[in-house]
Amino acid sequence: MSYPTIVEAKDVRFFEIKEYQTTGGRSVKLKGLVFHSALAVSGVDVIPTENTVQVLVRLTPARKGLSGSFQVDVPLPMPNSRILFGPANVQIWPVQH
């Protein structure tokens, strides 16, 4: 059986994308739920570069003890940092209208 190993932004319901101050700068709290009933979250990778941070949510077949929800705090390296989500690098922060 073939399944995606990294979730796409279109397959996530984000419950929270909220910026907050830390002692070292700024971070964004991401909370979400993956909409793949047979898959669960196995981990989250946060990959910073100069002015962007890529967030990759890894998937695995669902089993006891795992769920489709995730929560991660993403440090922002610069004042104008962007957060890109998934393999397609969809910008989720700052929110574009």
N, C-alpha and C. Protein backbone atom coordinates (compact mmCIF):
# COMPACT_ATOMS: atom_id res chain seq x y z
N MET A 1 0.83 -1.18 0.00
CA MET A 1 0.00 0.00 0.00
C MET A 1 0.88 1.25 0.00
N SER A 2 0.55 2.17 -0.84
CA SER A 2 1.30 3.41 -0.94
C SER A 2 0.53 4.52 -0.21
N TYR A 3 1.23 5.33 0.56
CA TYR A 3 0.60 6.44 1.26
C TYR A 3 1.58 7.62 1.28
N PRO A 4 1.03 8.83 1.45
CA PRO A 4 1.94 9.98 1.53
C PRO A 4 2.75 9.92 2.81
N THR A 5 4.01 10.29 2.74
CA THR A 5 4.85 10.27 3.94
C THR A 5 4.94 11.64 4.60
N ILE A 6 4.63 12.70 3.85
CA ILE A 6 4.59 14.07 4.38
C ILE A 6 3.23 14.65 4.00
N VAL A 7 2.54 15.22 4.97
CA VAL A 7 1.20 15.74 4.71
C VAL A 7 1.25 17.08 3.97
N GLU A 8 0.30 17.28 3.08
CA GLU A 8 0.13 18.54 2.35
C GLU A 8 -0.75 19.48 3.18
N ALA A 9 -0.57 20.78 3.02
CA ALA A 9 -1.35 21.77 3.77
C ALA A 9 -2.85 21.61 3.52
N LYS A 10 -3.24 21.23 2.31
CA LYS A 10 -4.66 21.09 1.98
C LYS A 10 -5.32 19.95 2.76
N ASP A 11 -4.52 19.05 3.33
CA ASP A 11 -5.05 17.91 4.08
C ASP A 11 -4.97 18.11 5.59
N VAL A 12 -4.83 19.37 6.02
CA VAL A 12 -4.72 19.69 7.45
C VAL A 12 -5.78 20.71 7.81
N ARG A 13 -6.41 20.49 8.96
CA ARG A 13 -7.28 21.51 9.56
C ARG A 13 -6.46 22.15 10.66
N PHE A 14 -6.05 23.42 10.44
CA PHE A 14 -5.28 24.14 11.44
C PHE A 14 -6.24 24.72 12.47
N PHE A 15 -6.03 24.36 13.74
CA PHE A 15 -6.85 24.89 14.82
C PHE A 15 -6.24 26.15 15.41
N GLU A 16 -4.93 26.27 15.30
CA GLU A 16 -4.27 27.45 15.86
C GLU A 16 -2.99 27.74 15.08
N ILE A 17 -2.86 28.99 14.68
CA ILE A 17 -1.62 29.53 14.12
C ILE A 17 -1.47 30.89 14.78
N LYS A 18 -0.71 30.91 15.87
CA LYS A 18 -0.69 32.09 16.71
C LYS A 18 0.73 32.48 17.09
N GLU A 19 1.08 33.73 16.84
CA GLU A 19 2.40 34.25 17.18
C GLU A 19 2.43 34.65 18.66
N TYR A 20 3.58 34.43 19.30
CA TYR A 20 3.75 34.87 20.68
C TYR A 20 5.21 35.21 20.92
N GLN A 21 5.45 36.03 21.94
CA GLN A 21 6.79 36.46 22.32
C GLN A 21 7.44 35.41 23.22
N THR A 22 8.73 35.18 23.02
CA THR A 22 9.51 34.32 23.89
C THR A 22 10.65 35.15 24.46
N THR A 23 11.39 34.57 25.39
CA THR A 23 12.53 35.31 25.94
C THR A 23 13.60 35.54 24.88
N GLY A 24 13.66 34.66 23.87
CA GLY A 24 14.67 34.80 22.83
C GLY A 24 14.17 35.44 21.55
N GLY A 25 12.91 35.83 21.48
CA GLY A 25 12.39 36.41 20.25
C GLY A 25 10.90 36.13 20.06
N ARG A 26 10.56 35.57 18.90
CA ARG A 26 9.16 35.27 18.58
C ARG A 26 9.05 33.84 18.10
N SER A 27 7.87 33.26 18.35
CA SER A 27 7.56 31.92 17.86
C SER A 27 6.11 31.90 17.40
N VAL A 28 5.76 30.85 16.66
CA VAL A 28 4.37 30.63 16.24
C VAL A 28 3.97 29.24 16.71
N LYS A 29 2.84 29.16 17.40
CA LYS A 29 2.29 27.88 17.82
C LYS A 29 1.39 27.37 16.70
N LEU A 30 1.66 26.15 16.24
CA LEU A 30 0.83 25.49 15.23
C LEU A 30 0.15 24.29 15.86
N LYS A 31 -1.16 24.22 15.73
CA LYS A 31 -1.94 23.06 16.16
C LYS A 31 -2.80 22.65 14.98
N GLY A 32 -2.82 21.35 14.69
CA GLY A 32 -3.62 20.91 13.57
C GLY A 32 -4.01 19.46 13.64
N LEU A 33 -4.87 19.07 12.70
CA LEU A 33 -5.35 17.70 12.58
C LEU A 33 -5.24 17.28 11.12
N VAL A 34 -4.61 16.15 10.90
CA VAL A 34 -4.44 15.61 9.54
C VAL A 34 -5.69 14.84 9.15
N PHE A 35 -6.21 15.11 7.95
CA PHE A 35 -7.40 14.43 7.45
C PHE A 35 -7.03 13.26 6.55
N HIS A 36 -6.43 12.24 7.14
CA HIS A 36 -6.16 10.96 6.49
C HIS A 36 -6.52 9.89 7.52
N SER A 37 -7.67 9.27 7.38
CA SER A 37 -8.16 8.38 8.43
C SER A 37 -7.27 7.18 8.69
N ALA A 38 -6.54 6.71 7.70
CA ALA A 38 -5.69 5.53 7.89
C ALA A 38 -4.26 5.89 8.28
N LEU A 39 -3.98 7.21 8.42
CA LEU A 39 -2.62 7.64 8.71
C LEU A 39 -2.57 8.44 10.01
N ALA A 40 -1.43 8.41 10.66
CA ALA A 40 -1.21 9.15 11.91
C ALA A 40 0.09 9.93 11.79
N VAL A 41 0.26 10.89 12.67
CA VAL A 41 1.47 11.71 12.69
C VAL A 41 2.57 10.94 13.41
N SER A 42 3.71 10.81 12.73
CA SER A 42 4.85 10.12 13.36
C SER A 42 5.90 11.11 13.85
N GLY A 43 5.81 12.37 13.41
CA GLY A 43 6.76 13.38 13.85
C GLY A 43 6.61 14.65 13.05
N VAL A 44 7.25 15.71 13.55
CA VAL A 44 7.21 17.01 12.89
C VAL A 44 8.64 17.52 12.79
N ASP A 45 9.04 17.90 11.58
CA ASP A 45 10.37 18.47 11.35
C ASP A 45 10.22 19.97 11.14
N VAL A 46 11.03 20.76 11.85
CA VAL A 46 11.07 22.21 11.71
C VAL A 46 12.45 22.55 11.18
N ILE A 47 12.49 23.08 9.94
CA ILE A 47 13.76 23.30 9.24
C ILE A 47 13.92 24.80 8.97
N PRO A 48 14.74 25.49 9.79
CA PRO A 48 14.93 26.93 9.58
C PRO A 48 15.98 27.21 8.51
N THR A 49 15.76 28.29 7.76
CA THR A 49 16.76 28.84 6.85
C THR A 49 16.89 30.32 7.20
N GLU A 50 17.46 31.10 6.32
CA GLU A 50 17.72 32.50 6.64
C GLU A 50 16.47 33.28 7.06
N ASN A 51 15.42 33.27 6.22
CA ASN A 51 14.22 34.02 6.58
C ASN A 51 12.94 33.20 6.43
N THR A 52 13.08 31.88 6.31
CA THR A 52 11.91 31.01 6.26
C THR A 52 12.12 29.82 7.20
N VAL A 53 11.00 29.23 7.56
CA VAL A 53 11.03 27.99 8.33
C VAL A 53 10.09 27.03 7.64
N GLN A 54 10.58 25.85 7.28
CA GLN A 54 9.75 24.84 6.65
C GLN A 54 9.29 23.86 7.72
N VAL A 55 7.98 23.54 7.71
CA VAL A 55 7.42 22.58 8.65
C VAL A 55 6.93 21.38 7.85
N LEU A 56 7.44 20.21 8.19
CA LEU A 56 7.07 18.96 7.54
C LEU A 56 6.48 18.02 8.58
N VAL A 57 5.22 17.61 8.39
CA VAL A 57 4.57 16.68 9.29
C VAL A 57 4.64 15.30 8.65
N ARG A 58 5.39 14.39 9.31
CA ARG A 58 5.59 13.04 8.78
C ARG A 58 4.43 12.13 9.17
N LEU A 59 4.05 11.24 8.24
CA LEU A 59 2.93 10.33 8.43
C LEU A 59 3.38 8.88 8.45
N THR A 60 2.58 8.06 9.13
CA THR A 60 2.80 6.63 9.20
C THR A 60 1.43 5.96 9.27
N PRO A 61 1.31 4.69 8.92
CA PRO A 61 0.01 4.02 9.08
C PRO A 61 -0.47 4.12 10.53
N ALA A 62 -1.76 4.37 10.70
CA ALA A 62 -2.35 4.53 12.04
C ALA A 62 -2.21 3.24 12.84
N ARG A 63 -1.91 3.43 14.12
CA ARG A 63 -1.86 2.30 15.05
C ARG A 63 -2.09 2.84 16.46
N LYS A 64 -2.28 1.95 17.38
CA LYS A 64 -2.57 2.33 18.76
C LYS A 64 -1.47 3.25 19.30
N GLY A 65 -1.91 4.31 19.97
CA GLY A 65 -0.96 5.26 20.56
C GLY A 65 -0.61 6.44 19.68
N LEU A 66 -1.00 6.41 18.42
CA LEU A 66 -0.74 7.53 17.51
C LEU A 66 -2.05 8.18 17.11
N SER A 67 -1.98 9.45 16.73
CA SER A 67 -3.18 10.15 16.27
C SER A 67 -2.83 11.03 15.08
N GLY A 68 -3.84 11.66 14.55
CA GLY A 68 -3.65 12.57 13.43
C GLY A 68 -3.44 14.01 13.84
N SER A 69 -3.36 14.25 15.14
CA SER A 69 -3.17 15.63 15.59
C SER A 69 -1.70 15.93 15.85
N PHE A 70 -1.36 17.21 15.76
CA PHE A 70 0.01 17.63 16.04
C PHE A 70 -0.01 19.03 16.64
N GLN A 71 1.03 19.34 17.37
CA GLN A 71 1.26 20.67 17.93
C GLN A 71 2.75 20.91 17.95
N VAL A 72 3.16 22.08 17.48
CA VAL A 72 4.58 22.41 17.43
C VAL A 72 4.76 23.91 17.60
N ASP A 73 5.80 24.30 18.31
CA ASP A 73 6.19 25.71 18.43
C ASP A 73 7.32 25.95 17.43
N VAL A 74 7.13 26.94 16.56
CA VAL A 74 8.08 27.22 15.49
C VAL A 74 8.77 28.55 15.78
N PRO A 75 10.05 28.52 16.15
CA PRO A 75 10.79 29.78 16.37
C PRO A 75 10.96 30.53 15.05
N LEU A 76 10.78 31.85 15.10
CA LEU A 76 10.97 32.68 13.92
C LEU A 76 12.36 33.30 13.99
N PRO A 77 13.24 32.97 13.04
CA PRO A 77 14.63 33.43 13.11
C PRO A 77 14.82 34.92 12.85
N MET A 78 13.90 35.55 12.11
CA MET A 78 14.03 36.97 11.77
C MET A 78 12.66 37.65 11.88
N PRO A 79 12.62 38.98 11.99
CA PRO A 79 11.34 39.68 12.10
C PRO A 79 10.39 39.45 10.91
N ASN A 80 10.93 39.27 9.72
CA ASN A 80 10.08 39.07 8.53
C ASN A 80 10.03 37.61 8.09
N SER A 81 10.22 36.68 9.02
CA SER A 81 10.24 35.25 8.68
C SER A 81 8.88 34.76 8.19
N ARG A 82 8.95 33.79 7.30
CA ARG A 82 7.75 33.12 6.79
C ARG A 82 7.81 31.67 7.22
N ILE A 83 6.62 31.06 7.41
CA ILE A 83 6.54 29.62 7.67
C ILE A 83 5.91 28.98 6.44
N LEU A 84 6.61 27.99 5.90
CA LEU A 84 6.15 27.23 4.74
C LEU A 84 5.82 25.83 5.20
N PHE A 85 4.68 25.29 4.74
CA PHE A 85 4.20 24.01 5.23
C PHE A 85 4.17 22.97 4.12
N GLY A 86 4.66 21.78 4.45
CA GLY A 86 4.55 20.63 3.55
C GLY A 86 5.53 20.65 2.39
N PRO A 87 5.48 19.60 1.59
CA PRO A 87 6.41 19.49 0.46
C PRO A 87 6.18 20.55 -0.62
N ALA A 88 4.97 21.11 -0.70
CA ALA A 88 4.68 22.15 -1.69
C ALA A 88 5.04 23.53 -1.18
N ASN A 89 5.54 23.64 0.06
CA ASN A 89 5.94 24.93 0.65
C ASN A 89 4.83 25.98 0.60
N VAL A 90 3.65 25.62 1.10
CA VAL A 90 2.53 26.54 1.18
C VAL A 90 2.77 27.50 2.35
N GLN A 91 2.71 28.80 2.08
CA GLN A 91 2.95 29.79 3.14
C GLN A 91 1.74 29.83 4.07
N ILE A 92 1.99 29.56 5.37
CA ILE A 92 0.92 29.63 6.36
C ILE A 92 1.15 30.75 7.37
N TRP A 93 2.35 31.36 7.35
CA TRP A 93 2.64 32.50 8.23
C TRP A 93 3.60 33.43 7.53
N PRO A 94 3.44 34.74 7.53
CA PRO A 94 2.22 35.38 7.99
C PRO A 94 1.04 35.00 7.10
N VAL A 95 -0.13 35.03 7.68
CA VAL A 95 -1.34 34.66 6.95
C VAL A 95 -1.57 35.68 5.85
N GLN A 96 -1.79 35.18 4.64
CA GLN A 96 -2.04 36.07 3.50
C GLN A 96 -3.55 36.15 3.26
N HIS A 97 -4.04 37.34 2.99
CA HIS A 97 -5.48 37.52 2.78
C HIS A 97 -5.79 37.65 1.33
